[in-house]
Amino acid sequence: MVERIRECIESSGRTQADVAAHIEISESQLSKSLGGTRQFSAVEVALLADDLDVSMHWLVTGEEDPLSMRIAARHSFDSATGSYQATGLVADNQLLQDVALLYRQAYSRDSH
């Protein structure tokens, strides 16, 4: 896992200090965790996955999550006007906002 975190930080072009600040730990804590003298907490791993835009399952196991959701675009394109139309967009947006709220509540730093 540590090697994957290092690789993600390097490939993002960001510094360890920047990543540490985004997950609200000190650069020293991140460095120690990457060096093996400190372990990442579960919340830190979740925040790292989110910040580095990778799945937590992949970050921990190195494998794609077999249960991950695959999403396909549901829209039509009118080439004459160059416009997209998505039926059900309002309902989809509300559903996505509800799911996002649940995730924020589940992973809120205040609740841990």
N, C-alpha and C. Protein backbone atom coordinates (compact mmCIF):
# COMPACT_ATOMS: atom_id res chain seq x y z
N MET A 1 0.83 -1.19 0.00
CA MET A 1 0.00 0.00 0.00
C MET A 1 0.88 1.26 0.00
N VAL A 2 1.91 1.26 0.79
CA VAL A 2 2.77 2.44 0.89
C VAL A 2 3.38 2.78 -0.46
N GLU A 3 3.81 1.74 -1.19
CA GLU A 3 4.41 1.98 -2.50
C GLU A 3 3.38 2.57 -3.46
N ARG A 4 2.14 2.10 -3.40
CA ARG A 4 1.09 2.66 -4.26
C ARG A 4 0.82 4.12 -3.91
N ILE A 5 0.82 4.44 -2.63
CA ILE A 5 0.61 5.84 -2.21
C ILE A 5 1.75 6.70 -2.75
N ARG A 6 2.98 6.21 -2.60
CA ARG A 6 4.14 6.97 -3.13
C ARG A 6 3.99 7.20 -4.63
N GLU A 7 3.66 6.12 -5.35
CA GLU A 7 3.52 6.23 -6.81
C GLU A 7 2.43 7.24 -7.19
N CYS A 8 1.32 7.22 -6.47
CA CYS A 8 0.23 8.16 -6.77
C CYS A 8 0.65 9.59 -6.51
N ILE A 9 1.36 9.81 -5.43
CA ILE A 9 1.83 11.17 -5.12
C ILE A 9 2.79 11.63 -6.21
N GLU A 10 3.74 10.78 -6.58
CA GLU A 10 4.71 11.14 -7.61
C GLU A 10 4.04 11.39 -8.96
N SER A 11 3.12 10.50 -9.36
CA SER A 11 2.48 10.67 -10.67
C SER A 11 1.54 11.86 -10.71
N SER A 12 1.08 12.31 -9.54
CA SER A 12 0.20 13.48 -9.50
C SER A 12 0.97 14.78 -9.69
N GLY A 13 2.29 14.71 -9.49
CA GLY A 13 3.11 15.91 -9.61
C GLY A 13 3.02 16.82 -8.39
N ARG A 14 2.40 16.31 -7.34
CA ARG A 14 2.24 17.09 -6.11
C ARG A 14 3.32 16.71 -5.12
N THR A 15 3.49 17.54 -4.11
CA THR A 15 4.47 17.26 -3.07
C THR A 15 3.80 16.51 -1.93
N GLN A 16 4.62 15.85 -1.13
CA GLN A 16 4.09 15.19 0.06
C GLN A 16 3.45 16.22 0.99
N ALA A 17 4.04 17.40 1.06
CA ALA A 17 3.49 18.46 1.92
C ALA A 17 2.08 18.83 1.47
N ASP A 18 1.88 18.93 0.16
CA ASP A 18 0.56 19.28 -0.37
C ASP A 18 -0.47 18.19 -0.05
N VAL A 19 -0.09 16.94 -0.26
CA VAL A 19 -1.01 15.83 0.02
C VAL A 19 -1.32 15.78 1.51
N ALA A 20 -0.29 15.91 2.34
CA ALA A 20 -0.49 15.89 3.79
C ALA A 20 -1.45 17.00 4.23
N ALA A 21 -1.29 18.17 3.67
CA ALA A 21 -2.18 19.29 4.02
C ALA A 21 -3.62 18.99 3.63
N HIS A 22 -3.81 18.36 2.47
CA HIS A 22 -5.16 18.05 2.01
C HIS A 22 -5.85 17.00 2.87
N ILE A 23 -5.09 16.10 3.47
CA ILE A 23 -5.74 15.09 4.33
C ILE A 23 -5.59 15.46 5.81
N GLU A 24 -5.10 16.66 6.04
CA GLU A 24 -5.00 17.25 7.36
C GLU A 24 -4.15 16.44 8.35
N ILE A 25 -2.97 16.03 7.87
CA ILE A 25 -1.94 15.49 8.76
C ILE A 25 -0.68 16.28 8.47
N SER A 26 0.30 16.17 9.35
CA SER A 26 1.54 16.91 9.12
C SER A 26 2.38 16.19 8.06
N GLU A 27 3.24 16.95 7.43
CA GLU A 27 4.16 16.35 6.45
C GLU A 27 5.02 15.29 7.13
N SER A 28 5.38 15.53 8.39
CA SER A 28 6.17 14.57 9.15
C SER A 28 5.40 13.26 9.35
N GLN A 29 4.10 13.35 9.67
CA GLN A 29 3.29 12.15 9.84
C GLN A 29 3.22 11.36 8.54
N LEU A 30 3.01 12.05 7.43
CA LEU A 30 2.96 11.38 6.13
C LEU A 30 4.30 10.72 5.82
N SER A 31 5.37 11.44 6.04
CA SER A 31 6.71 10.91 5.79
C SER A 31 6.99 9.66 6.64
N LYS A 32 6.62 9.71 7.90
CA LYS A 32 6.82 8.56 8.78
C LYS A 32 5.98 7.37 8.33
N SER A 33 4.76 7.63 7.90
CA SER A 33 3.90 6.54 7.43
C SER A 33 4.46 5.93 6.14
N LEU A 34 4.96 6.77 5.27
CA LEU A 34 5.56 6.26 4.03
C LEU A 34 6.87 5.54 4.30
N GLY A 35 7.54 5.92 5.38
CA GLY A 35 8.80 5.29 5.75
C GLY A 35 8.64 4.05 6.62
N GLY A 36 7.43 3.78 7.07
CA GLY A 36 7.18 2.57 7.84
C GLY A 36 7.33 2.70 9.34
N THR A 37 7.58 3.90 9.85
CA THR A 37 7.72 4.07 11.30
C THR A 37 6.40 4.50 11.95
N ARG A 38 5.40 4.70 11.14
CA ARG A 38 4.06 5.06 11.62
C ARG A 38 3.07 4.42 10.67
N GLN A 39 1.96 3.93 11.20
CA GLN A 39 0.94 3.35 10.34
C GLN A 39 -0.13 4.38 10.01
N PHE A 40 -0.68 4.27 8.79
CA PHE A 40 -1.81 5.11 8.41
C PHE A 40 -3.05 4.64 9.17
N SER A 41 -3.87 5.57 9.61
CA SER A 41 -5.17 5.19 10.17
C SER A 41 -6.11 4.87 9.01
N ALA A 42 -7.20 4.18 9.30
CA ALA A 42 -8.17 3.85 8.26
C ALA A 42 -8.75 5.12 7.64
N VAL A 43 -9.00 6.12 8.45
CA VAL A 43 -9.54 7.39 7.94
C VAL A 43 -8.52 8.05 7.01
N GLU A 44 -7.25 8.01 7.39
CA GLU A 44 -6.21 8.60 6.53
C GLU A 44 -6.13 7.88 5.19
N VAL A 45 -6.27 6.56 5.19
CA VAL A 45 -6.25 5.80 3.93
C VAL A 45 -7.44 6.21 3.07
N ALA A 46 -8.62 6.35 3.68
CA ALA A 46 -9.80 6.77 2.93
C ALA A 46 -9.61 8.18 2.36
N LEU A 47 -9.05 9.08 3.16
CA LEU A 47 -8.81 10.45 2.69
C LEU A 47 -7.76 10.48 1.58
N LEU A 48 -6.72 9.65 1.73
CA LEU A 48 -5.70 9.57 0.68
C LEU A 48 -6.30 9.07 -0.62
N ALA A 49 -7.11 8.02 -0.55
CA ALA A 49 -7.73 7.47 -1.75
C ALA A 49 -8.55 8.55 -2.44
N ASP A 50 -9.33 9.29 -1.66
CA ASP A 50 -10.15 10.35 -2.23
C ASP A 50 -9.28 11.46 -2.82
N ASP A 51 -8.28 11.88 -2.08
CA ASP A 51 -7.42 12.97 -2.53
C ASP A 51 -6.60 12.59 -3.76
N LEU A 52 -6.18 11.34 -3.83
CA LEU A 52 -5.36 10.88 -4.96
C LEU A 52 -6.19 10.32 -6.10
N ASP A 53 -7.52 10.36 -5.92
CA ASP A 53 -8.47 9.94 -6.96
C ASP A 53 -8.27 8.48 -7.38
N VAL A 54 -8.14 7.61 -6.38
CA VAL A 54 -8.07 6.17 -6.61
C VAL A 54 -9.05 5.50 -5.65
N SER A 55 -9.38 4.25 -5.93
CA SER A 55 -10.30 3.57 -5.02
C SER A 55 -9.54 3.10 -3.78
N MET A 56 -10.23 3.09 -2.68
CA MET A 56 -9.63 2.61 -1.44
C MET A 56 -9.25 1.13 -1.57
N HIS A 57 -10.09 0.37 -2.26
CA HIS A 57 -9.80 -1.06 -2.46
C HIS A 57 -8.47 -1.23 -3.19
N TRP A 58 -8.27 -0.47 -4.27
CA TRP A 58 -7.01 -0.58 -5.01
C TRP A 58 -5.83 -0.12 -4.16
N LEU A 59 -6.02 0.96 -3.43
CA LEU A 59 -4.94 1.48 -2.60
C LEU A 59 -4.48 0.44 -1.59
N VAL A 60 -5.43 -0.28 -0.99
CA VAL A 60 -5.09 -1.27 0.04
C VAL A 60 -4.60 -2.58 -0.56
N THR A 61 -5.27 -3.06 -1.63
CA THR A 61 -4.96 -4.40 -2.16
C THR A 61 -4.10 -4.40 -3.41
N GLY A 62 -4.11 -3.30 -4.15
CA GLY A 62 -3.40 -3.27 -5.43
C GLY A 62 -4.21 -3.89 -6.55
N GLU A 63 -5.46 -4.25 -6.26
CA GLU A 63 -6.32 -4.87 -7.26
C GLU A 63 -7.56 -4.01 -7.46
N GLU A 64 -8.15 -4.13 -8.67
CA GLU A 64 -9.39 -3.42 -8.93
C GLU A 64 -10.49 -4.00 -8.06
N ASP A 65 -11.35 -3.16 -7.58
CA ASP A 65 -12.46 -3.59 -6.74
C ASP A 65 -13.46 -4.35 -7.60
N PRO A 66 -13.66 -5.65 -7.31
CA PRO A 66 -14.59 -6.42 -8.13
C PRO A 66 -16.04 -5.97 -7.96
N LEU A 67 -16.32 -5.22 -6.92
CA LEU A 67 -17.69 -4.76 -6.67
C LEU A 67 -17.89 -3.30 -7.05
N SER A 68 -16.89 -2.70 -7.70
CA SER A 68 -17.01 -1.28 -8.02
C SER A 68 -18.12 -1.05 -9.04
N MET A 69 -18.73 0.09 -8.91
CA MET A 69 -19.82 0.45 -9.79
C MET A 69 -19.25 1.03 -11.08
N ARG A 70 -19.78 0.60 -12.17
CA ARG A 70 -19.41 1.14 -13.46
C ARG A 70 -20.55 2.04 -13.90
N ILE A 71 -20.21 3.21 -14.36
CA ILE A 71 -21.23 4.17 -14.76
C ILE A 71 -21.07 4.48 -16.24
N ALA A 72 -22.17 4.48 -16.94
CA ALA A 72 -22.17 4.82 -18.36
C ALA A 72 -22.98 6.09 -18.56
N ALA A 73 -22.57 6.87 -19.53
CA ALA A 73 -23.30 8.11 -19.83
C ALA A 73 -24.68 7.77 -20.36
N ARG A 74 -25.64 8.54 -19.91
CA ARG A 74 -27.02 8.37 -20.39
C ARG A 74 -27.47 9.69 -21.00
N HIS A 75 -27.02 9.90 -22.20
CA HIS A 75 -27.43 11.13 -22.88
C HIS A 75 -27.49 10.87 -24.39
N SER A 76 -28.10 11.78 -25.08
CA SER A 76 -28.10 11.72 -26.53
C SER A 76 -27.44 13.00 -27.06
N PHE A 77 -26.84 12.87 -28.22
CA PHE A 77 -26.14 14.01 -28.82
C PHE A 77 -26.80 14.34 -30.14
N ASP A 78 -27.14 15.60 -30.31
CA ASP A 78 -27.71 16.08 -31.57
C ASP A 78 -26.59 16.74 -32.35
N SER A 79 -26.10 16.05 -33.39
CA SER A 79 -24.96 16.58 -34.14
C SER A 79 -25.31 17.85 -34.91
N ALA A 80 -26.56 18.02 -35.27
CA ALA A 80 -26.96 19.22 -36.00
C ALA A 80 -26.82 20.47 -35.15
N THR A 81 -27.17 20.36 -33.88
CA THR A 81 -27.09 21.53 -32.98
C THR A 81 -25.86 21.50 -32.08
N GLY A 82 -25.22 20.32 -32.01
CA GLY A 82 -24.05 20.19 -31.14
C GLY A 82 -24.42 20.17 -29.66
N SER A 83 -25.66 19.75 -29.37
CA SER A 83 -26.10 19.78 -27.98
C SER A 83 -26.36 18.37 -27.45
N TYR A 84 -26.25 18.25 -26.15
CA TYR A 84 -26.53 17.00 -25.45
C TYR A 84 -27.86 17.12 -24.74
N GLN A 85 -28.56 16.02 -24.64
CA GLN A 85 -29.80 15.99 -23.87
C GLN A 85 -29.76 14.77 -22.97
N ALA A 86 -30.07 14.98 -21.70
CA ALA A 86 -30.08 13.88 -20.74
C ALA A 86 -31.45 13.83 -20.09
N THR A 87 -32.22 12.80 -20.40
CA THR A 87 -33.52 12.66 -19.77
C THR A 87 -33.31 12.17 -18.35
N GLY A 88 -34.11 12.67 -17.44
CA GLY A 88 -33.97 12.26 -16.04
C GLY A 88 -32.86 12.96 -15.30
N LEU A 89 -32.29 14.00 -15.89
CA LEU A 89 -31.14 14.68 -15.29
C LEU A 89 -31.46 15.25 -13.91
N VAL A 90 -32.63 15.85 -13.74
CA VAL A 90 -33.00 16.45 -12.45
C VAL A 90 -33.06 15.38 -11.37
N ALA A 91 -33.72 14.26 -11.66
CA ALA A 91 -33.82 13.17 -10.68
C ALA A 91 -32.44 12.58 -10.39
N ASP A 92 -31.61 12.44 -11.44
CA ASP A 92 -30.26 11.90 -11.25
C ASP A 92 -29.44 12.82 -10.36
N ASN A 93 -29.54 14.12 -10.59
CA ASN A 93 -28.77 15.07 -9.78
C ASN A 93 -29.16 14.98 -8.31
N GLN A 94 -30.45 14.88 -8.03
CA GLN A 94 -30.90 14.76 -6.64
C GLN A 94 -30.38 13.48 -6.02
N LEU A 95 -30.43 12.38 -6.75
CA LEU A 95 -29.92 11.11 -6.24
C LEU A 95 -28.42 11.20 -5.95
N LEU A 96 -27.68 11.81 -6.86
CA LEU A 96 -26.23 11.96 -6.65
C LEU A 96 -25.94 12.86 -5.45
N GLN A 97 -26.71 13.90 -5.27
CA GLN A 97 -26.53 14.77 -4.10
C GLN A 97 -26.82 14.01 -2.81
N ASP A 98 -27.85 13.15 -2.83
CA ASP A 98 -28.17 12.34 -1.65
C ASP A 98 -27.05 11.37 -1.32
N VAL A 99 -26.50 10.72 -2.34
CA VAL A 99 -25.39 9.77 -2.13
C VAL A 99 -24.17 10.52 -1.60
N ALA A 100 -23.89 11.67 -2.17
CA ALA A 100 -22.74 12.46 -1.72
C ALA A 100 -22.90 12.87 -0.26
N LEU A 101 -24.10 13.23 0.13
CA LEU A 101 -24.36 13.59 1.52
C LEU A 101 -24.10 12.39 2.44
N LEU A 102 -24.56 11.22 2.04
CA LEU A 102 -24.33 10.02 2.85
C LEU A 102 -22.83 9.75 3.01
N TYR A 103 -22.07 9.90 1.94
CA TYR A 103 -20.62 9.69 2.03
C TYR A 103 -19.97 10.73 2.94
N ARG A 104 -20.39 11.98 2.79
CA ARG A 104 -19.81 13.02 3.66
C ARG A 104 -20.11 12.71 5.11
N GLN A 105 -21.32 12.27 5.40
CA GLN A 105 -21.67 11.95 6.79
C GLN A 105 -20.91 10.73 7.28
N ALA A 106 -20.75 9.74 6.43
CA ALA A 106 -20.06 8.50 6.83
C ALA A 106 -18.57 8.73 7.05
N TYR A 107 -17.98 9.61 6.26
CA TYR A 107 -16.54 9.81 6.35
C TYR A 107 -16.16 11.16 6.96
N SER A 108 -17.08 11.80 7.60
CA SER A 108 -16.82 13.08 8.23
C SER A 108 -15.76 12.91 9.32
N ARG A 109 -14.80 13.78 9.33
CA ARG A 109 -13.74 13.71 10.35
C ARG A 109 -14.30 13.97 11.73
N ASP A 110 -15.43 14.71 11.81
CA ASP A 110 -16.02 15.02 13.12
C ASP A 110 -16.68 13.81 13.75
N SER A 111 -17.06 12.81 12.95
CA SER A 111 -17.77 11.66 13.50
C SER A 111 -16.82 10.56 13.96
N HIS A 112 -15.52 10.75 13.78
CA HIS A 112 -14.56 9.70 14.16
C HIS A 112 -13.79 10.09 15.36
